[in-house]
Amino acid sequence: MTPDPASPNAEDPTPPTTSAPIFDRPPTSHLPINNFDWTYNPSISLDDNFIDLACLTARSSISQKGHMGAVIVKTGTAEVLAKGINTPLYLPPKGKSIKASVEIHAEANAITSCAS
């Protein structure tokens, strides 16, 4: 007895086709981030130093919604543990603006880069 092709249990040797768009690999903030020659300045506070670094880090963002940067610093020291920028979660389909894509926050990217 042969299986009925209309039956949901019928074995189909061909995989189903999907019409979902194929994207290139999305950008990631785990790549090196340009510091724009930032150096620690002992004549200003730790907070001001790292706010300056966060602003410079934000320049590396490719987001069209706004450039954000985050810096994670070890408390009481000048040790930078991680930096992050906002990035698209996925690239939009061809013909669509990257502005329409969902983004990962700079803070989340900085935290996840600590884990990698």
N, C-alpha and C. Protein backbone atom coordinates (compact mmCIF):
# COMPACT_ATOMS: atom_id res chain seq x y z
N MET A 1 0.85 -1.17 0.00
CA MET A 1 0.00 0.00 0.00
C MET A 1 0.90 1.24 0.00
N THR A 2 0.63 2.18 -0.89
CA THR A 2 1.42 3.41 -0.98
C THR A 2 0.76 4.50 -0.17
N PRO A 3 1.59 5.38 0.45
CA PRO A 3 0.98 6.44 1.26
C PRO A 3 0.29 7.49 0.40
N ASP A 4 -0.78 8.01 0.95
CA ASP A 4 -1.54 9.06 0.27
C ASP A 4 -0.75 10.36 0.33
N PRO A 5 -0.41 11.02 -0.83
CA PRO A 5 0.36 12.25 -0.81
C PRO A 5 -0.32 13.39 -0.07
N ALA A 6 -1.62 13.37 0.07
CA ALA A 6 -2.33 14.44 0.77
C ALA A 6 -2.31 14.23 2.28
N SER A 7 -1.90 13.06 2.70
CA SER A 7 -1.88 12.75 4.13
C SER A 7 -0.74 13.50 4.83
N PRO A 8 -0.98 14.03 6.03
CA PRO A 8 0.08 14.75 6.74
C PRO A 8 1.22 13.84 7.16
N ASN A 9 1.00 12.52 7.21
CA ASN A 9 2.05 11.59 7.60
C ASN A 9 2.81 11.03 6.41
N ALA A 10 2.46 11.45 5.21
CA ALA A 10 3.15 10.94 4.03
C ALA A 10 4.60 11.40 4.04
N GLU A 11 5.50 10.47 3.69
CA GLU A 11 6.91 10.82 3.66
C GLU A 11 7.21 11.55 2.36
N ASP A 12 7.85 12.73 2.49
CA ASP A 12 8.20 13.52 1.31
C ASP A 12 9.72 13.61 1.26
N PRO A 13 10.34 13.06 0.22
CA PRO A 13 11.80 13.06 0.16
C PRO A 13 12.40 14.45 -0.11
N THR A 14 11.61 15.38 -0.60
CA THR A 14 12.14 16.72 -0.89
C THR A 14 11.85 17.65 0.28
N PRO A 15 12.88 18.39 0.73
CA PRO A 15 12.65 19.32 1.85
C PRO A 15 11.78 20.48 1.41
N PRO A 16 11.02 21.05 2.35
CA PRO A 16 10.17 22.18 1.98
C PRO A 16 11.04 23.40 1.64
N THR A 17 10.56 24.19 0.71
CA THR A 17 11.29 25.39 0.34
C THR A 17 10.77 26.57 1.15
N THR A 18 11.65 27.47 1.45
CA THR A 18 11.24 28.66 2.19
C THR A 18 11.52 29.89 1.34
N SER A 19 10.74 30.91 1.56
CA SER A 19 10.94 32.14 0.81
C SER A 19 11.58 33.22 1.68
N ALA A 20 12.13 32.82 2.84
CA ALA A 20 12.76 33.79 3.73
C ALA A 20 14.02 34.35 3.07
N PRO A 21 14.24 35.66 3.19
CA PRO A 21 15.44 36.24 2.59
C PRO A 21 16.70 35.76 3.29
N ILE A 22 17.77 35.66 2.52
CA ILE A 22 19.06 35.26 3.06
C ILE A 22 19.88 36.51 3.31
N PHE A 23 20.38 36.67 4.54
CA PHE A 23 21.15 37.85 4.90
C PHE A 23 22.63 37.49 5.01
N ASP A 24 23.47 38.45 4.81
CA ASP A 24 24.87 38.28 5.15
C ASP A 24 24.98 38.22 6.66
N ARG A 25 26.15 37.88 7.15
CA ARG A 25 26.35 37.85 8.60
C ARG A 25 26.15 39.25 9.17
N PRO A 26 25.39 39.39 10.25
CA PRO A 26 25.16 40.72 10.81
C PRO A 26 26.44 41.30 11.40
N PRO A 27 26.51 42.63 11.47
CA PRO A 27 27.68 43.24 12.10
C PRO A 27 27.77 42.85 13.56
N THR A 28 28.93 42.91 14.11
CA THR A 28 29.09 42.56 15.51
C THR A 28 29.99 43.58 16.18
N SER A 29 29.78 43.80 17.45
CA SER A 29 30.65 44.72 18.17
C SER A 29 31.79 43.97 18.84
N HIS A 30 31.90 42.66 18.59
CA HIS A 30 32.98 41.91 19.20
C HIS A 30 34.26 42.03 18.39
N LEU A 31 34.22 42.77 17.32
CA LEU A 31 35.43 43.07 16.57
C LEU A 31 36.13 44.22 17.26
N PRO A 32 37.41 44.43 16.98
CA PRO A 32 38.10 45.56 17.63
C PRO A 32 37.39 46.89 17.35
N ILE A 33 37.25 47.70 18.38
CA ILE A 33 36.60 49.00 18.26
C ILE A 33 37.68 50.07 18.27
N ASN A 34 37.59 51.00 17.35
CA ASN A 34 38.58 52.07 17.23
C ASN A 34 38.51 53.00 18.43
N ASN A 35 39.63 53.24 19.07
CA ASN A 35 39.70 54.16 20.21
C ASN A 35 40.06 55.57 19.79
N PHE A 36 40.35 55.78 18.55
CA PHE A 36 40.73 57.10 18.04
C PHE A 36 41.84 57.71 18.88
N ASP A 37 42.86 56.89 19.18
CA ASP A 37 44.05 57.32 19.93
C ASP A 37 43.73 57.88 21.32
N TRP A 38 42.69 57.37 21.95
CA TRP A 38 42.35 57.81 23.30
C TRP A 38 43.44 57.35 24.27
N THR A 39 43.80 58.20 25.19
CA THR A 39 44.71 57.84 26.28
C THR A 39 44.13 58.37 27.58
N TYR A 40 44.42 57.65 28.64
CA TYR A 40 43.96 58.07 29.96
C TYR A 40 44.62 59.39 30.34
N ASN A 41 43.82 60.33 30.83
CA ASN A 41 44.32 61.65 31.22
C ASN A 41 44.19 61.78 32.75
N PRO A 42 45.32 61.71 33.48
CA PRO A 42 45.25 61.75 34.95
C PRO A 42 44.80 63.10 35.52
N SER A 43 44.77 64.14 34.69
CA SER A 43 44.37 65.45 35.21
C SER A 43 42.85 65.62 35.32
N ILE A 44 42.08 64.66 34.81
CA ILE A 44 40.62 64.72 34.94
C ILE A 44 40.14 63.47 35.67
N SER A 45 38.90 63.47 36.11
CA SER A 45 38.37 62.36 36.91
C SER A 45 38.25 61.07 36.09
N LEU A 46 38.16 59.95 36.81
CA LEU A 46 37.95 58.66 36.14
C LEU A 46 36.67 58.69 35.31
N ASP A 47 35.59 59.23 35.90
CA ASP A 47 34.32 59.30 35.18
C ASP A 47 34.47 60.07 33.87
N ASP A 48 35.10 61.24 33.93
CA ASP A 48 35.27 62.04 32.72
C ASP A 48 36.14 61.34 31.68
N ASN A 49 37.16 60.64 32.13
CA ASN A 49 38.01 59.89 31.21
C ASN A 49 37.21 58.84 30.44
N PHE A 50 36.39 58.09 31.16
CA PHE A 50 35.69 56.99 30.51
C PHE A 50 34.43 57.45 29.78
N ILE A 51 33.88 58.57 30.16
CA ILE A 51 32.80 59.15 29.35
C ILE A 51 33.38 59.60 28.01
N ASP A 52 34.57 60.16 28.05
CA ASP A 52 35.27 60.54 26.82
C ASP A 52 35.52 59.31 25.94
N LEU A 53 35.98 58.22 26.55
CA LEU A 53 36.21 56.98 25.80
C LEU A 53 34.91 56.43 25.22
N ALA A 54 33.82 56.49 25.98
CA ALA A 54 32.52 56.00 25.49
C ALA A 54 32.06 56.82 24.27
N CYS A 55 32.28 58.13 24.32
CA CYS A 55 31.90 58.98 23.19
C CYS A 55 32.74 58.66 21.95
N LEU A 56 34.02 58.41 22.15
CA LEU A 56 34.89 58.04 21.03
C LEU A 56 34.54 56.65 20.51
N THR A 57 34.22 55.74 21.41
CA THR A 57 33.82 54.39 21.02
C THR A 57 32.56 54.44 20.16
N ALA A 58 31.64 55.33 20.50
CA ALA A 58 30.38 55.45 19.76
C ALA A 58 30.61 55.79 18.29
N ARG A 59 31.72 56.40 17.97
CA ARG A 59 32.01 56.74 16.57
C ARG A 59 32.15 55.50 15.69
N SER A 60 32.45 54.36 16.29
CA SER A 60 32.61 53.11 15.53
C SER A 60 31.27 52.48 15.17
N SER A 61 30.19 52.96 15.74
CA SER A 61 28.87 52.37 15.48
C SER A 61 28.43 52.62 14.05
N ILE A 62 27.83 51.59 13.45
CA ILE A 62 27.31 51.75 12.08
C ILE A 62 25.82 52.05 12.08
N SER A 63 25.24 52.20 13.25
CA SER A 63 23.81 52.45 13.36
C SER A 63 23.42 53.78 12.71
N GLN A 64 22.27 53.78 12.07
CA GLN A 64 21.75 55.01 11.52
C GLN A 64 20.70 55.62 12.44
N LYS A 65 20.42 54.97 13.56
CA LYS A 65 19.47 55.49 14.53
C LYS A 65 20.15 56.38 15.55
N GLY A 66 21.46 56.33 15.59
CA GLY A 66 22.22 57.09 16.56
C GLY A 66 23.44 56.29 16.97
N HIS A 67 24.50 56.96 17.28
CA HIS A 67 25.74 56.29 17.64
C HIS A 67 25.86 56.24 19.16
N MET A 68 25.89 55.03 19.71
CA MET A 68 25.99 54.83 21.16
C MET A 68 27.22 54.01 21.45
N GLY A 69 27.85 54.32 22.57
CA GLY A 69 29.01 53.56 23.02
C GLY A 69 28.90 53.28 24.50
N ALA A 70 29.45 52.16 24.93
CA ALA A 70 29.45 51.80 26.35
C ALA A 70 30.84 51.28 26.71
N VAL A 71 31.27 51.61 27.90
CA VAL A 71 32.56 51.16 28.41
C VAL A 71 32.34 50.56 29.79
N ILE A 72 32.86 49.35 30.00
CA ILE A 72 32.79 48.72 31.31
C ILE A 72 34.19 48.81 31.91
N VAL A 73 34.26 49.43 33.10
CA VAL A 73 35.53 49.70 33.76
C VAL A 73 35.53 49.03 35.12
N LYS A 74 36.68 48.47 35.51
CA LYS A 74 36.81 47.89 36.84
C LYS A 74 36.77 49.01 37.87
N THR A 75 35.92 48.88 38.88
CA THR A 75 35.70 49.92 39.89
C THR A 75 37.00 50.36 40.54
N GLY A 76 37.22 51.69 40.58
CA GLY A 76 38.37 52.27 41.26
C GLY A 76 39.68 52.18 40.53
N THR A 77 39.68 51.65 39.32
CA THR A 77 40.92 51.54 38.55
C THR A 77 40.73 52.16 37.18
N ALA A 78 41.79 52.14 36.42
CA ALA A 78 41.70 52.64 35.04
C ALA A 78 41.70 51.48 34.06
N GLU A 79 41.26 50.31 34.51
CA GLU A 79 41.26 49.12 33.65
C GLU A 79 39.94 49.00 32.89
N VAL A 80 40.03 49.04 31.56
CA VAL A 80 38.85 48.87 30.71
C VAL A 80 38.63 47.38 30.52
N LEU A 81 37.46 46.89 30.96
CA LEU A 81 37.14 45.48 30.82
C LEU A 81 36.51 45.17 29.47
N ALA A 82 35.65 46.08 28.99
CA ALA A 82 34.97 45.84 27.72
C ALA A 82 34.43 47.15 27.16
N LYS A 83 34.23 47.16 25.84
CA LYS A 83 33.58 48.28 25.15
C LYS A 83 32.52 47.70 24.23
N GLY A 84 31.49 48.47 23.97
CA GLY A 84 30.45 48.01 23.06
C GLY A 84 29.83 49.17 22.31
N ILE A 85 29.29 48.86 21.15
CA ILE A 85 28.56 49.83 20.33
C ILE A 85 27.21 49.22 19.95
N ASN A 86 26.25 50.07 19.61
CA ASN A 86 24.97 49.52 19.17
C ASN A 86 25.12 49.01 17.74
N THR A 87 24.53 47.86 17.49
CA THR A 87 24.62 47.23 16.18
C THR A 87 23.27 46.65 15.79
N PRO A 88 23.00 46.53 14.49
CA PRO A 88 21.75 45.88 14.07
C PRO A 88 21.76 44.41 14.47
N LEU A 89 20.62 43.90 14.85
CA LEU A 89 20.48 42.49 15.19
C LEU A 89 20.62 41.64 13.92
N TYR A 90 20.12 42.14 12.83
CA TYR A 90 20.21 41.47 11.54
C TYR A 90 20.25 42.54 10.46
N LEU A 91 20.73 42.16 9.32
CA LEU A 91 20.73 43.10 8.20
C LEU A 91 19.36 43.07 7.54
N PRO A 92 18.86 44.20 7.12
CA PRO A 92 17.53 44.23 6.49
C PRO A 92 17.59 43.63 5.08
N PRO A 93 16.46 43.22 4.55
CA PRO A 93 16.42 42.70 3.18
C PRO A 93 16.90 43.77 2.20
N LYS A 94 17.39 43.31 1.08
CA LYS A 94 17.86 44.24 0.06
C LYS A 94 16.76 45.23 -0.30
N GLY A 95 17.12 46.50 -0.43
CA GLY A 95 16.16 47.53 -0.75
C GLY A 95 15.54 48.21 0.46
N LYS A 96 15.73 47.62 1.65
CA LYS A 96 15.20 48.22 2.88
C LYS A 96 16.31 48.95 3.60
N SER A 97 15.96 49.98 4.33
CA SER A 97 16.92 50.77 5.08
C SER A 97 17.37 50.04 6.34
N ILE A 98 18.65 50.15 6.67
CA ILE A 98 19.17 49.56 7.90
C ILE A 98 18.53 50.24 9.11
N LYS A 99 17.98 51.42 8.89
CA LYS A 99 17.32 52.17 9.97
C LYS A 99 16.09 51.42 10.48
N ALA A 100 15.54 50.54 9.66
CA ALA A 100 14.33 49.81 10.04
C ALA A 100 14.64 48.55 10.85
N SER A 101 15.92 48.21 11.01
CA SER A 101 16.25 46.96 11.70
C SER A 101 16.27 47.14 13.22
N VAL A 102 16.09 46.03 13.91
CA VAL A 102 16.15 46.00 15.37
C VAL A 102 17.61 46.08 15.78
N GLU A 103 17.90 46.77 16.89
CA GLU A 103 19.28 46.93 17.30
C GLU A 103 19.56 46.34 18.67
N ILE A 104 20.81 45.93 18.85
CA ILE A 104 21.29 45.49 20.15
C ILE A 104 21.97 46.69 20.79
N HIS A 105 21.63 46.97 22.03
CA HIS A 105 22.19 48.13 22.73
C HIS A 105 23.69 47.97 22.96
N ALA A 106 24.38 49.10 23.04
CA ALA A 106 25.82 49.11 23.29
C ALA A 106 26.15 48.43 24.62
N GLU A 107 25.31 48.65 25.63
CA GLU A 107 25.56 48.05 26.94
C GLU A 107 25.48 46.53 26.87
N ALA A 108 24.49 46.03 26.15
CA ALA A 108 24.35 44.57 26.00
C ALA A 108 25.53 43.98 25.24
N ASN A 109 25.98 44.68 24.20
CA ASN A 109 27.14 44.20 23.46
C ASN A 109 28.40 44.20 24.32
N ALA A 110 28.57 45.21 25.16
CA ALA A 110 29.75 45.27 26.04
C ALA A 110 29.71 44.11 27.04
N ILE A 111 28.54 43.84 27.61
CA ILE A 111 28.41 42.75 28.58
C ILE A 111 28.67 41.40 27.91
N THR A 112 28.10 41.18 26.72
CA THR A 112 28.31 39.89 26.06
C THR A 112 29.75 39.73 25.60
N SER A 113 30.44 40.81 25.30
CA SER A 113 31.84 40.67 24.91
C SER A 113 32.71 40.25 26.09
N CYS A 114 32.26 40.51 27.31
CA CYS A 114 32.96 40.03 28.51
C CYS A 114 32.90 38.51 28.59
N ALA A 115 31.82 37.93 28.08
CA ALA A 115 31.62 36.50 28.17
C ALA A 115 32.33 35.73 27.06
N SER A 116 32.77 36.43 26.04
CA SER A 116 33.40 35.69 24.93
C SER A 116 34.90 35.68 25.03
